[in-house]
Amino acid sequence: MTDDKGKTLGTQKLGAGHAGGSTLKTCNFYFSFKVPDAAENYEMRVEGFAPMKYTREAIRRGLSFYETEQGTLAPQ
């Protein structure tokens, strides 16, 4: 996770996911960390995918995204 100035605020290895869903298969990963600053915009990177930009308010509400058929991540 980086802030709007590109400063790295934290890194974390994702643990095992939890499979679920009905006809749509899902895999949930839970993570959290505290950031030292209160920037308005952040960028999150998941290895193997393009960076995703979020506002501070969106992060407070909780992030949710899915892998598309093209192999990219998209917000839900």
N, C-alpha and C. Protein backbone atom coordinates (compact mmCIF):
# COMPACT_ATOMS: atom_id res chain seq x y z
N MET A 1 0.85 -1.16 0.00
CA MET A 1 0.00 0.00 0.00
C MET A 1 0.91 1.22 0.00
N THR A 2 0.62 2.15 -0.89
CA THR A 2 1.36 3.41 -0.94
C THR A 2 0.38 4.56 -0.79
N ASP A 3 0.90 5.72 -0.36
CA ASP A 3 0.04 6.90 -0.26
C ASP A 3 0.03 7.65 -1.58
N ASP A 4 -0.64 8.80 -1.60
CA ASP A 4 -0.78 9.55 -2.85
C ASP A 4 0.52 10.18 -3.33
N LYS A 5 1.59 10.10 -2.51
CA LYS A 5 2.90 10.60 -2.92
C LYS A 5 3.83 9.46 -3.35
N GLY A 6 3.31 8.22 -3.31
CA GLY A 6 4.11 7.06 -3.70
C GLY A 6 4.92 6.45 -2.57
N LYS A 7 4.75 6.96 -1.34
CA LYS A 7 5.47 6.43 -0.19
C LYS A 7 4.86 5.10 0.23
N THR A 8 5.70 4.07 0.37
CA THR A 8 5.23 2.77 0.82
C THR A 8 4.83 2.86 2.28
N LEU A 9 3.58 2.49 2.57
CA LEU A 9 3.05 2.56 3.93
C LEU A 9 3.04 1.21 4.61
N GLY A 10 3.01 0.16 3.84
CA GLY A 10 3.01 -1.17 4.43
C GLY A 10 2.97 -2.24 3.37
N THR A 11 3.50 -3.38 3.71
CA THR A 11 3.44 -4.55 2.83
C THR A 11 2.99 -5.73 3.66
N GLN A 12 2.40 -6.69 3.02
CA GLN A 12 1.90 -7.84 3.73
C GLN A 12 1.72 -9.00 2.76
N LYS A 13 2.03 -10.18 3.21
CA LYS A 13 1.80 -11.38 2.41
C LYS A 13 0.39 -11.87 2.71
N LEU A 14 -0.38 -12.12 1.66
CA LEU A 14 -1.74 -12.62 1.85
C LEU A 14 -1.68 -14.07 2.31
N GLY A 15 -2.50 -14.39 3.28
CA GLY A 15 -2.58 -15.76 3.78
C GLY A 15 -3.48 -16.59 2.88
N ALA A 16 -3.83 -17.74 3.34
CA ALA A 16 -4.72 -18.63 2.58
C ALA A 16 -6.09 -17.99 2.45
N GLY A 17 -6.69 -18.13 1.28
CA GLY A 17 -8.03 -17.61 1.06
C GLY A 17 -9.10 -18.56 1.56
N HIS A 18 -10.32 -18.06 1.65
CA HIS A 18 -11.46 -18.86 2.08
C HIS A 18 -12.45 -18.95 0.94
N ALA A 19 -12.64 -20.15 0.39
CA ALA A 19 -13.54 -20.35 -0.74
C ALA A 19 -14.98 -20.25 -0.28
N GLY A 20 -15.84 -19.78 -1.18
CA GLY A 20 -17.26 -19.65 -0.86
C GLY A 20 -18.06 -19.36 -2.11
N GLY A 21 -19.27 -18.90 -1.92
CA GLY A 21 -20.11 -18.53 -3.05
C GLY A 21 -21.05 -19.66 -3.45
N SER A 22 -21.92 -19.35 -4.37
CA SER A 22 -22.87 -20.34 -4.88
C SER A 22 -22.45 -20.69 -6.30
N THR A 23 -23.16 -20.17 -7.29
CA THR A 23 -22.77 -20.45 -8.67
C THR A 23 -21.52 -19.67 -9.06
N LEU A 24 -21.33 -18.51 -8.44
CA LEU A 24 -20.10 -17.75 -8.65
C LEU A 24 -19.11 -18.15 -7.57
N LYS A 25 -18.02 -18.74 -7.95
CA LYS A 25 -17.02 -19.14 -6.97
C LYS A 25 -16.28 -17.90 -6.48
N THR A 26 -16.05 -17.84 -5.18
CA THR A 26 -15.32 -16.71 -4.62
C THR A 26 -14.19 -17.22 -3.75
N CYS A 27 -13.22 -16.39 -3.55
CA CYS A 27 -12.13 -16.67 -2.63
C CYS A 27 -11.84 -15.37 -1.90
N ASN A 28 -12.02 -15.36 -0.60
CA ASN A 28 -11.85 -14.16 0.20
C ASN A 28 -10.52 -14.18 0.92
N PHE A 29 -9.85 -13.04 0.92
CA PHE A 29 -8.62 -12.85 1.67
C PHE A 29 -8.85 -11.68 2.62
N TYR A 30 -8.54 -11.88 3.87
CA TYR A 30 -8.73 -10.83 4.85
C TYR A 30 -7.36 -10.30 5.29
N PHE A 31 -7.26 -8.99 5.37
CA PHE A 31 -6.01 -8.38 5.82
C PHE A 31 -6.34 -7.01 6.39
N SER A 32 -5.47 -6.53 7.22
CA SER A 32 -5.60 -5.17 7.74
C SER A 32 -4.23 -4.71 8.19
N PHE A 33 -4.05 -3.41 8.18
CA PHE A 33 -2.85 -2.81 8.74
C PHE A 33 -3.11 -1.34 8.97
N LYS A 34 -2.37 -0.76 9.88
CA LYS A 34 -2.49 0.66 10.17
C LYS A 34 -1.51 1.43 9.31
N VAL A 35 -1.92 2.59 8.86
CA VAL A 35 -1.02 3.44 8.09
C VAL A 35 -0.68 4.66 8.93
N PRO A 36 0.57 5.14 8.84
CA PRO A 36 1.01 6.24 9.70
C PRO A 36 0.46 7.61 9.29
N ASP A 37 0.02 7.77 8.08
CA ASP A 37 -0.45 9.06 7.59
C ASP A 37 -1.94 9.01 7.30
N ALA A 38 -2.51 10.15 7.05
CA ALA A 38 -3.93 10.23 6.71
C ALA A 38 -4.08 10.83 5.32
N ALA A 39 -3.48 10.19 4.33
CA ALA A 39 -3.60 10.66 2.95
C ALA A 39 -5.04 10.46 2.47
N GLU A 40 -5.42 11.16 1.45
CA GLU A 40 -6.77 11.01 0.88
C GLU A 40 -6.84 9.91 -0.17
N ASN A 41 -5.70 9.60 -0.80
CA ASN A 41 -5.68 8.61 -1.88
C ASN A 41 -4.56 7.62 -1.65
N TYR A 42 -4.86 6.37 -2.00
CA TYR A 42 -3.90 5.28 -1.81
C TYR A 42 -3.86 4.40 -3.05
N GLU A 43 -2.76 3.65 -3.17
CA GLU A 43 -2.65 2.68 -4.25
C GLU A 43 -2.28 1.34 -3.62
N MET A 44 -3.05 0.32 -3.97
CA MET A 44 -2.79 -1.02 -3.46
C MET A 44 -2.32 -1.90 -4.61
N ARG A 45 -1.30 -2.70 -4.33
CA ARG A 45 -0.78 -3.62 -5.33
C ARG A 45 -0.89 -5.05 -4.82
N VAL A 46 -1.40 -5.89 -5.68
CA VAL A 46 -1.43 -7.33 -5.42
C VAL A 46 -0.55 -7.94 -6.50
N GLU A 47 0.46 -8.68 -6.09
CA GLU A 47 1.43 -9.22 -7.05
C GLU A 47 0.74 -9.93 -8.21
N GLY A 48 1.18 -9.60 -9.41
CA GLY A 48 0.63 -10.22 -10.61
C GLY A 48 -0.52 -9.45 -11.23
N PHE A 49 -0.97 -8.37 -10.57
CA PHE A 49 -2.09 -7.56 -11.07
C PHE A 49 -1.69 -6.10 -11.14
N ALA A 50 -2.41 -5.34 -11.93
CA ALA A 50 -2.18 -3.90 -12.03
C ALA A 50 -2.53 -3.22 -10.70
N PRO A 51 -1.84 -2.12 -10.36
CA PRO A 51 -2.17 -1.39 -9.12
C PRO A 51 -3.61 -0.89 -9.14
N MET A 52 -4.21 -0.79 -7.95
CA MET A 52 -5.58 -0.30 -7.81
C MET A 52 -5.57 0.93 -6.92
N LYS A 53 -6.27 1.97 -7.33
CA LYS A 53 -6.32 3.22 -6.58
C LYS A 53 -7.62 3.30 -5.77
N TYR A 54 -7.48 3.78 -4.52
CA TYR A 54 -8.62 3.91 -3.63
C TYR A 54 -8.54 5.21 -2.84
N THR A 55 -9.68 5.73 -2.47
CA THR A 55 -9.72 6.88 -1.57
C THR A 55 -9.72 6.38 -0.13
N ARG A 56 -9.40 7.25 0.78
CA ARG A 56 -9.41 6.89 2.20
C ARG A 56 -10.81 6.43 2.62
N GLU A 57 -11.85 7.11 2.13
CA GLU A 57 -13.21 6.74 2.48
C GLU A 57 -13.57 5.35 1.95
N ALA A 58 -13.15 5.02 0.74
CA ALA A 58 -13.43 3.69 0.19
C ALA A 58 -12.77 2.60 1.04
N ILE A 59 -11.57 2.87 1.50
CA ILE A 59 -10.86 1.89 2.33
C ILE A 59 -11.59 1.71 3.66
N ARG A 60 -12.06 2.80 4.23
CA ARG A 60 -12.81 2.71 5.50
C ARG A 60 -14.06 1.85 5.35
N ARG A 61 -14.70 1.92 4.19
CA ARG A 61 -15.91 1.12 3.95
C ARG A 61 -15.57 -0.35 3.70
N GLY A 62 -14.35 -0.63 3.30
CA GLY A 62 -13.92 -2.00 3.01
C GLY A 62 -13.72 -2.19 1.52
N LEU A 63 -12.67 -2.87 1.16
CA LEU A 63 -12.35 -3.10 -0.25
C LEU A 63 -12.88 -4.44 -0.69
N SER A 64 -13.38 -4.48 -1.89
CA SER A 64 -13.87 -5.74 -2.46
C SER A 64 -13.61 -5.71 -3.95
N PHE A 65 -12.98 -6.74 -4.45
CA PHE A 65 -12.70 -6.81 -5.88
C PHE A 65 -12.71 -8.26 -6.33
N TYR A 66 -12.74 -8.45 -7.62
CA TYR A 66 -12.80 -9.80 -8.18
C TYR A 66 -11.88 -9.90 -9.38
N GLU A 67 -11.50 -11.12 -9.72
CA GLU A 67 -10.67 -11.34 -10.91
C GLU A 67 -11.58 -11.53 -12.12
N THR A 68 -11.34 -10.76 -13.16
CA THR A 68 -12.13 -10.83 -14.37
C THR A 68 -11.68 -12.01 -15.23
N GLU A 69 -12.44 -12.30 -16.26
CA GLU A 69 -12.06 -13.36 -17.20
C GLU A 69 -10.77 -13.03 -17.93
N GLN A 70 -10.43 -11.74 -17.99
CA GLN A 70 -9.19 -11.30 -18.64
C GLN A 70 -7.98 -11.39 -17.69
N GLY A 71 -8.22 -11.81 -16.45
CA GLY A 71 -7.12 -11.95 -15.51
C GLY A 71 -6.72 -10.66 -14.81
N THR A 72 -7.60 -9.67 -14.77
CA THR A 72 -7.34 -8.43 -14.06
C THR A 72 -8.23 -8.38 -12.81
N LEU A 73 -7.90 -7.48 -11.89
CA LEU A 73 -8.75 -7.27 -10.72
C LEU A 73 -9.63 -6.04 -10.97
N ALA A 74 -10.89 -6.15 -10.58
CA ALA A 74 -11.84 -5.04 -10.74
C ALA A 74 -12.61 -4.86 -9.45
N PRO A 75 -12.91 -3.61 -9.08
CA PRO A 75 -13.68 -3.38 -7.85
C PRO A 75 -15.11 -3.87 -7.99
N GLN A 76 -15.68 -4.33 -6.87
CA GLN A 76 -17.09 -4.75 -6.88
C GLN A 76 -17.94 -3.63 -6.38
